[in-house]
């Protein structure tokens, strides 16, 4: 999954919101920059762990075609399918018509359902799906971003350099688990 929208993704938690949430003092400019980096890294960790994008927008997915007609998106919610393309024999992308293509259960278990003609014709190629993904960012995940950034700040952990990300605390893991989307399957024939 990769974001391909035109606008930058805005942070889900601003520095001011973070300072208010942790009841801290307003930082100077250098510390503000450090907090922004921590919040960005925490947002990436939380959204990746929860399979929920930080903001609505256009995202792209690729998946090999091998006879399936139903494919579950790895995140939710999905509001619409914007475009499909399939690789040709040279590996170039060829746009496909959306006739007969359906988005099923977009809010809670989003699935792409391809028409029957796709089942045999495209085996061995790769499908590129462009879809509008996302909605209101869940409050529990907002809290998880704040809690994780606070933990890293209190532990004086920097997000620069080649360090391993420390394990999130139990409370952060529980907040993520409450909102996490787990797809029930990857693909299936119909």
C-alpha atoms as a PDB file:
ATOM      1  CA  UNK A   1       0.000   0.000   0.000  1.00  0.00           C
ATOM      2  CA  UNK A   2       1.372   3.355  -0.945  1.00  0.00           C
ATOM      3  CA  UNK A   3      -0.111   6.828  -0.827  1.00  0.00           C
ATOM      4  CA  UNK A   4      -0.307   8.466  -4.275  1.00  0.00           C
ATOM      5  CA  UNK A   5      -2.588  11.416  -3.511  1.00  0.00           C
ATOM      6  CA  UNK A   6      -1.654  14.927  -4.569  1.00  0.00           C
ATOM      7  CA  UNK A   7      -1.743  16.524  -1.106  1.00  0.00           C
ATOM      8  CA  UNK A   8       0.702  15.755   1.690  1.00  0.00           C
ATOM      9  CA  UNK A   9      -0.676  13.675   4.536  1.00  0.00           C
ATOM     10  CA  UNK A  10      -1.120  15.967   7.508  1.00  0.00           C
ATOM     11  CA  UNK A  11      -0.054  14.731  10.942  1.00  0.00           C
ATOM     12  CA  UNK A  12      -2.904  13.295  12.994  1.00  0.00           C
ATOM     13  CA  UNK A  13      -1.470  14.875  16.163  1.00  0.00           C
ATOM     14  CA  UNK A  14      -0.009  18.389  16.108  1.00  0.00           C
ATOM     15  CA  UNK A  15       2.740  19.502  18.483  1.00  0.00           C
ATOM     16  CA  UNK A  16       0.260  21.752  20.322  1.00  0.00           C
ATOM     17  CA  UNK A  17      -2.222  18.885  20.712  1.00  0.00           C
ATOM     18  CA  UNK A  18       0.578  16.672  21.993  1.00  0.00           C
ATOM     19  CA  UNK A  19       1.750  19.248  24.556  1.00  0.00           C
ATOM     20  CA  UNK A  20      -1.842  19.721  25.760  1.00  0.00           C
ATOM     21  CA  UNK A  21      -2.420  15.960  25.964  1.00  0.00           C
ATOM     22  CA  UNK A  22       0.691  15.327  28.063  1.00  0.00           C
ATOM     23  CA  UNK A  23       0.248  18.505  30.119  1.00  0.00           C
ATOM     24  CA  UNK A  24       3.681  19.746  29.147  1.00  0.00           C
ATOM     25  CA  UNK A  25       5.219  23.168  28.789  1.00  0.00           C
ATOM     26  CA  UNK A  26       5.457  24.790  25.378  1.00  0.00           C
ATOM     27  CA  UNK A  27       8.808  23.801  23.868  1.00  0.00           C
ATOM     28  CA  UNK A  28      11.292  26.038  22.080  1.00  0.00           C
ATOM     29  CA  UNK A  29      11.724  25.825  18.292  1.00  0.00           C
ATOM     30  CA  UNK A  30      14.399  23.106  18.405  1.00  0.00           C
ATOM     31  CA  UNK A  31      12.350  20.918  20.721  1.00  0.00           C
ATOM     32  CA  UNK A  32       9.210  21.497  18.599  1.00  0.00           C
ATOM     33  CA  UNK A  33      11.069  20.077  15.621  1.00  0.00           C
ATOM     34  CA  UNK A  34      12.138  17.050  17.658  1.00  0.00           C
ATOM     35  CA  UNK A  35       8.550  16.482  18.842  1.00  0.00           C
ATOM     36  CA  UNK A  36       7.284  16.725  15.242  1.00  0.00           C
ATOM     37  CA  UNK A  37       9.720  13.976  14.237  1.00  0.00           C
ATOM     38  CA  UNK A  38       8.646  11.801  17.174  1.00  0.00           C
ATOM     39  CA  UNK A  39       4.973  12.313  16.317  1.00  0.00           C
ATOM     40  CA  UNK A  40       5.596  11.458  12.662  1.00  0.00           C
ATOM     41  CA  UNK A  41       7.456   8.273  13.570  1.00  0.00           C
ATOM     42  CA  UNK A  42       4.810   7.300  16.134  1.00  0.00           C
ATOM     43  CA  UNK A  43       2.074   7.926  13.553  1.00  0.00           C
ATOM     44  CA  UNK A  44       3.865   5.664  11.055  1.00  0.00           C
ATOM     45  CA  UNK A  45       4.237   2.886  13.630  1.00  0.00           C
ATOM     46  CA  UNK A  46       0.615   3.097  14.785  1.00  0.00           C
ATOM     47  CA  UNK A  47      -0.988   3.327  11.335  1.00  0.00           C
ATOM     48  CA  UNK A  48       1.139   0.473   9.993  1.00  0.00           C
ATOM     49  CA  UNK A  49       0.339  -1.729  13.000  1.00  0.00           C
ATOM     50  CA  UNK A  50      -3.393  -0.961  12.777  1.00  0.00           C
ATOM     51  CA  UNK A  51      -3.698  -1.189   8.960  1.00  0.00           C
ATOM     52  CA  UNK A  52      -5.623   2.072   8.971  1.00  0.00           C
ATOM     53  CA  UNK A  53      -4.337   5.017   6.929  1.00  0.00           C
ATOM     54  CA  UNK A  54      -3.723   8.323   8.730  1.00  0.00           C
ATOM     55  CA  UNK A  55      -5.861  10.313   6.304  1.00  0.00           C
ATOM     56  CA  UNK A  56      -8.301   9.749   3.484  1.00  0.00           C
ATOM     57  CA  UNK A  57      -6.729   9.770   0.053  1.00  0.00           C
ATOM     58  CA  UNK A  58      -5.740   7.874  -3.048  1.00  0.00           C
ATOM     59  CA  UNK A  59      -3.649   4.768  -2.369  1.00  0.00           C
ATOM     60  CA  UNK A  60      -2.161   2.148  -4.661  1.00  0.00           C
ATOM     61  CA  UNK A  61      -1.896  -1.615  -4.204  1.00  0.00           C
ATOM     62  CA  UNK A  62      -0.336  -4.325  -6.373  1.00  0.00           C
ATOM     63  CA  UNK A  63      -1.097  -8.021  -6.253  1.00  0.00           C
ATOM     64  CA  UNK A  64      -0.374 -10.960  -8.593  1.00  0.00           C
ATOM     65  CA  UNK A  65      -3.270 -12.339 -10.631  1.00  0.00           C
ATOM     66  CA  UNK A  66      -3.532 -16.123 -10.603  1.00  0.00           C
ATOM     67  CA  UNK A  67      -7.175 -17.047 -11.085  1.00  0.00           C
ATOM     68  CA  UNK A  68      -8.785 -15.272  -8.126  1.00  0.00           C
ATOM     69  CA  UNK A  69     -11.761 -12.950  -8.461  1.00  0.00           C
ATOM     70  CA  UNK A  70     -12.118 -11.669  -4.896  1.00  0.00           C
ATOM     71  CA  UNK A  71      -9.328  -9.747  -3.138  1.00  0.00           C
ATOM     72  CA  UNK A  72      -9.478  -8.322   0.395  1.00  0.00           C
ATOM     73  CA  UNK A  73      -7.882  -4.936   0.915  1.00  0.00           C
ATOM     74  CA  UNK A  74      -5.207  -4.921   3.661  1.00  0.00           C
ATOM     75  CA  UNK A  75      -6.762  -1.824   5.272  1.00  0.00           C
ATOM     76  CA  UNK A  76     -10.124  -0.168   5.787  1.00  0.00           C
ATOM     77  CA  UNK A  77     -12.297   1.712   5.049  1.00  0.00           C
ATOM     78  CA  UNK A  78     -12.288   1.798   1.237  1.00  0.00           C
ATOM     79  CA  UNK A  79     -14.707   4.284  -0.299  1.00  0.00           C
ATOM     80  CA  UNK A  80     -14.182   3.703  -4.036  1.00  0.00           C
ATOM     81  CA  UNK A  81     -12.095   2.019  -6.713  1.00  0.00           C
ATOM     82  CA  UNK A  82     -10.482   4.688  -8.909  1.00  0.00           C
ATOM     83  CA  UNK A  83      -8.477   2.688 -11.449  1.00  0.00           C
ATOM     84  CA  UNK A  84      -7.192  -0.761 -12.337  1.00  0.00           C
ATOM     85  CA  UNK A  85      -4.231  -1.688 -14.505  1.00  0.00           C
ATOM     86  CA  UNK A  86      -2.641  -5.012 -15.436  1.00  0.00           C
ATOM     87  CA  UNK A  87       0.896  -5.693 -16.589  1.00  0.00           C
ATOM     88  CA  UNK A  88       1.258  -6.830 -20.190  1.00  0.00           C
ATOM     89  CA  UNK A  89       3.842  -9.395 -21.318  1.00  0.00           C
ATOM     90  CA  UNK A  90       6.571  -6.733 -21.380  1.00  0.00           C
ATOM     91  CA  UNK A  91       5.751  -5.608 -17.821  1.00  0.00           C
ATOM     92  CA  UNK A  92       4.150  -2.281 -18.811  1.00  0.00           C
ATOM     93  CA  UNK A  93       0.912  -1.220 -17.105  1.00  0.00           C
ATOM     94  CA  UNK A  94      -2.247  -1.350 -19.242  1.00  0.00           C
ATOM     95  CA  UNK A  95      -5.294   0.454 -17.828  1.00  0.00           C
ATOM     96  CA  UNK A  96      -8.444  -1.643 -17.516  1.00  0.00           C
ATOM     97  CA  UNK A  97     -12.099  -0.647 -17.662  1.00  0.00           C
ATOM     98  CA  UNK A  98     -13.963  -0.754 -14.356  1.00  0.00           C
ATOM     99  CA  UNK A  99     -17.015  -2.399 -15.986  1.00  0.00           C
ATOM    100  CA  UNK A 100     -18.278  -5.160 -13.713  1.00  0.00           C
ATOM    101  CA  UNK A 101     -15.685  -4.437 -11.009  1.00  0.00           C
ATOM    102  CA  UNK A 102     -17.284  -4.117  -7.581  1.00  0.00           C
ATOM    103  CA  UNK A 103     -16.266  -2.826  -4.172  1.00  0.00           C
ATOM    104  CA  UNK A 104     -17.944  -5.018  -1.560  1.00  0.00           C
ATOM    105  CA  UNK A 105     -18.291  -4.143   2.161  1.00  0.00           C
ATOM    106  CA  UNK A 106     -16.038  -1.108   1.847  1.00  0.00           C
ATOM    107  CA  UNK A 107     -16.544   0.132   5.410  1.00  0.00           C
ATOM    108  CA  UNK A 108     -15.705  -2.942   7.460  1.00  0.00           C
ATOM    109  CA  UNK A 109     -14.260  -5.741   5.273  1.00  0.00           C
ATOM    110  CA  UNK A 110     -13.360  -4.141   1.931  1.00  0.00           C
ATOM    111  CA  UNK A 111     -13.107  -6.501  -1.015  1.00  0.00           C
ATOM    112  CA  UNK A 112     -12.433  -6.030  -4.699  1.00  0.00           C
ATOM    113  CA  UNK A 113     -14.640  -8.334  -6.781  1.00  0.00           C
ATOM    114  CA  UNK A 114     -13.554  -8.800 -10.387  1.00  0.00           C
ATOM    115  CA  UNK A 115     -15.923  -9.903 -13.175  1.00  0.00           C
ATOM    116  CA  UNK A 116     -15.871 -13.559 -14.294  1.00  0.00           C
ATOM    117  CA  UNK A 117     -13.926 -12.765 -17.457  1.00  0.00           C
ATOM    118  CA  UNK A 118     -10.866 -11.946 -15.298  1.00  0.00           C
ATOM    119  CA  UNK A 119     -10.566 -15.434 -13.794  1.00  0.00           C
ATOM    120  CA  UNK A 120      -8.703 -17.077 -16.683  1.00  0.00           C
ATOM    121  CA  UNK A 121      -7.489 -14.226 -18.873  1.00  0.00           C
ATOM    122  CA  UNK A 122      -4.949 -12.542 -16.634  1.00  0.00           C
ATOM    123  CA  UNK A 123      -3.135 -15.372 -14.809  1.00  0.00           C
ATOM    124  CA  UNK A 124       0.561 -14.675 -14.271  1.00  0.00           C
ATOM    125  CA  UNK A 125       0.253 -10.906 -14.469  1.00  0.00           C
ATOM    126  CA  UNK A 126       0.155  -8.239 -11.771  1.00  0.00           C
ATOM    127  CA  UNK A 127      -2.863  -6.108 -10.928  1.00  0.00           C
ATOM    128  CA  UNK A 128      -2.480  -2.487  -9.803  1.00  0.00           C
ATOM    129  CA  UNK A 129      -5.435  -1.141  -7.838  1.00  0.00           C
ATOM    130  CA  UNK A 130      -5.914   2.557  -7.110  1.00  0.00           C
ATOM    131  CA  UNK A 131      -8.570   3.257  -4.507  1.00  0.00           C
ATOM    132  CA  UNK A 132      -9.823   5.985  -2.218  1.00  0.00           C
ATOM    133  CA  UNK A 133      -9.013   4.799   1.289  1.00  0.00           C
ATOM    134  CA  UNK A 134      -9.580   6.158   4.763  1.00  0.00           C
ATOM    135  CA  UNK A 135     -12.011   8.077   6.867  1.00  0.00           C
ATOM    136  CA  UNK A 136     -12.013   9.739  10.259  1.00  0.00           C
ATOM    137  CA  UNK A 137      -8.907   8.684  12.175  1.00  0.00           C
ATOM    138  CA  UNK A 138     -10.007   6.536  15.161  1.00  0.00           C
ATOM    139  CA  UNK A 139      -9.707   8.219  18.555  1.00  0.00           C
ATOM    140  CA  UNK A 140      -7.981   5.190  20.109  1.00  0.00           C
ATOM    141  CA  UNK A 141      -5.258   5.381  17.479  1.00  0.00           C
ATOM    142  CA  UNK A 142      -4.873   9.121  18.094  1.00  0.00           C
ATOM    143  CA  UNK A 143      -4.293   8.266  21.763  1.00  0.00           C
ATOM    144  CA  UNK A 144      -1.803   5.564  20.758  1.00  0.00           C
ATOM    145  CA  UNK A 145       0.214   8.086  18.701  1.00  0.00           C
ATOM    146  CA  UNK A 146       0.305  10.483  21.675  1.00  0.00           C
ATOM    147  CA  UNK A 147       1.220   7.729  24.160  1.00  0.00           C
ATOM    148  CA  UNK A 148       3.960   6.286  21.968  1.00  0.00           C
ATOM    149  CA  UNK A 149       5.513   9.694  21.252  1.00  0.00           C
ATOM    150  CA  UNK A 150       5.357  10.508  24.974  1.00  0.00           C
ATOM    151  CA  UNK A 151       7.092   7.224  25.861  1.00  0.00           C
ATOM    152  CA  UNK A 152       9.841   7.870  23.335  1.00  0.00           C
ATOM    153  CA  UNK A 153      10.272  11.463  24.504  1.00  0.00           C
ATOM    154  CA  UNK A 154      10.486  10.450  28.169  1.00  0.00           C
ATOM    155  CA  UNK A 155      13.014   7.727  27.291  1.00  0.00           C
ATOM    156  CA  UNK A 156      14.987  10.308  25.269  1.00  0.00           C
ATOM    157  CA  UNK A 157      14.781   8.208  22.120  1.00  0.00           C
ATOM    158  CA  UNK A 158      15.777   9.870  18.867  1.00  0.00           C
ATOM    159  CA  UNK A 159      14.159   8.974  15.547  1.00  0.00           C
ATOM    160  CA  UNK A 160      17.277   9.745  13.527  1.00  0.00           C
ATOM    161  CA  UNK A 161      20.044   7.295  12.804  1.00  0.00           C
ATOM    162  CA  UNK A 162      20.006   3.522  12.507  1.00  0.00           C
ATOM    163  CA  UNK A 163      18.429   2.465  15.769  1.00  0.00           C
ATOM    164  CA  UNK A 164      15.848  -0.214  16.302  1.00  0.00           C
ATOM    165  CA  UNK A 165      12.439   1.059  17.286  1.00  0.00           C
ATOM    166  CA  UNK A 166      11.779   0.116  20.910  1.00  0.00           C
ATOM    167  CA  UNK A 167       8.795  -2.070  21.680  1.00  0.00           C
ATOM    168  CA  UNK A 168       5.608  -0.183  22.475  1.00  0.00           C
ATOM    169  CA  UNK A 169       4.209  -0.438  25.970  1.00  0.00           C
ATOM    170  CA  UNK A 170       1.284  -2.712  26.760  1.00  0.00           C
ATOM    171  CA  UNK A 171      -1.130   0.236  26.888  1.00  0.00           C
ATOM    172  CA  UNK A 172      -0.118   1.424  23.398  1.00  0.00           C
ATOM    173  CA  UNK A 173      -0.430  -2.116  22.059  1.00  0.00           C
ATOM    174  CA  UNK A 174      -3.931  -2.412  23.556  1.00  0.00           C
ATOM    175  CA  UNK A 175      -5.030   0.891  21.993  1.00  0.00           C
ATOM    176  CA  UNK A 176      -3.809  -0.295  18.591  1.00  0.00           C
ATOM    177  CA  UNK A 177      -5.392  -3.720  18.975  1.00  0.00           C
ATOM    178  CA  UNK A 178      -8.799  -2.143  19.684  1.00  0.00           C
ATOM    179  CA  UNK A 179      -8.840  -0.412  16.285  1.00  0.00           C
ATOM    180  CA  UNK A 180      -6.675  -2.765  14.220  1.00  0.00           C
ATOM    181  CA  UNK A 181      -8.062  -4.083  10.938  1.00  0.00           C
ATOM    182  CA  UNK A 182      -7.142  -7.668  10.095  1.00  0.00           C
ATOM    183  CA  UNK A 183      -8.336  -8.911   6.742  1.00  0.00           C
ATOM    184  CA  UNK A 184     -10.005 -12.316   6.950  1.00  0.00           C
ATOM    185  CA  UNK A 185      -8.457 -13.598   3.725  1.00  0.00           C
ATOM    186  CA  UNK A 186      -6.188 -12.377   0.948  1.00  0.00           C
ATOM    187  CA  UNK A 187      -7.794 -13.673  -2.234  1.00  0.00           C
ATOM    188  CA  UNK A 188     -10.296 -16.278  -3.373  1.00  0.00           C
ATOM    189  CA  UNK A 189     -12.011 -17.581  -6.456  1.00  0.00           C
ATOM    190  CA  UNK A 190     -15.746 -17.112  -6.635  1.00  0.00           C
END
